[in-house]
Amino acid sequence: MATFATNRTTVGMSAGFFVSLIGAFAAWNDARITRNALSKLSARELDDIGLCIGDIDMIATRTGR
């Protein structure tokens, strides 16, 4: 009689889901912190680093590292 190890796949998928969820939360939090830090800068300070107010969201949500 054959037995199937079905719980391995389920556990692996559940763990993968939670790892993805934690990764998504970490990315969201990083973007939030970056957005808040850049939002506190004046237009002059942003210009000094080559940005404008309209660039903040793009910079905060950029995924490339």
Protein backbone atom coordinates (compact mmCIF):
# COMPACT_ATOMS: atom_id res chain seq x y z
CA MET A 1 0.00 0.00 0.00
CA ALA A 2 1.37 3.43 -0.93
CA THR A 3 1.43 6.35 1.46
CA PHE A 4 1.60 9.95 0.45
CA ALA A 5 3.36 12.69 2.38
CA THR A 6 0.83 15.42 1.70
CA ASN A 7 1.65 17.53 4.73
CA ARG A 8 5.16 18.33 3.45
CA THR A 9 3.84 20.24 0.48
CA THR A 10 1.22 22.01 2.56
CA VAL A 11 3.72 23.02 5.21
CA GLY A 12 6.18 24.20 2.54
CA MET A 13 3.52 26.25 0.82
CA SER A 14 2.34 27.74 4.12
CA ALA A 15 5.88 28.63 5.15
CA GLY A 16 6.52 30.16 1.72
CA PHE A 17 3.37 32.24 2.03
CA PHE A 18 4.40 33.61 5.41
CA VAL A 19 7.94 34.33 4.22
CA SER A 20 6.47 36.24 1.26
CA LEU A 21 4.10 38.07 3.58
CA ILE A 22 6.92 39.09 5.90
CA GLY A 23 9.02 40.19 2.92
CA ALA A 24 6.16 42.30 1.58
CA PHE A 25 5.68 43.91 4.99
CA ALA A 26 9.40 44.66 5.28
CA ALA A 27 9.44 46.25 1.81
CA TRP A 28 6.38 48.35 2.66
CA ASN A 29 7.97 49.50 5.92
CA ASP A 30 11.25 50.40 4.20
CA ALA A 31 9.34 52.47 1.63
CA ARG A 32 7.36 54.16 4.41
CA ILE A 33 10.52 55.10 6.32
CA THR A 34 12.21 56.41 3.16
CA ARG A 35 9.12 58.40 2.15
CA ASN A 36 8.87 59.98 5.62
CA ALA A 37 12.56 60.89 5.72
CA LEU A 38 12.51 62.47 2.26
CA SER A 39 9.26 64.29 2.99
CA LYS A 40 10.92 66.10 5.90
CA LEU A 41 13.49 67.68 3.56
CA SER A 42 12.93 71.11 2.08
CA ALA A 43 12.78 71.70 -1.67
CA ARG A 44 16.29 73.15 -1.49
CA GLU A 45 17.65 70.08 0.32
CA LEU A 46 15.98 67.77 -2.19
CA ASP A 47 17.48 69.82 -5.02
CA ASP A 48 20.93 69.44 -3.44
CA ILE A 49 20.66 65.65 -3.77
CA GLY A 50 19.17 65.84 -7.25
CA LEU A 51 15.53 65.18 -6.40
CA CYS A 52 12.27 67.06 -6.42
CA ILE A 53 9.10 66.52 -4.40
CA GLY A 54 7.57 64.50 -7.25
CA ASP A 55 10.42 61.97 -7.08
CA ILE A 56 9.79 60.90 -3.49
CA ASP A 57 7.25 58.14 -4.22
CA MET A 58 9.35 56.73 -7.05
CA ILE A 59 12.47 56.62 -4.86
CA ALA A 60 10.62 55.17 -1.87
CA THR A 61 9.02 52.30 -3.80
CA ARG A 62 12.01 51.42 -5.98
CA THR A 63 12.82 47.72 -5.56
CA GLY A 64 16.31 47.66 -7.09
CA ARG A 65 19.11 47.67 -4.54
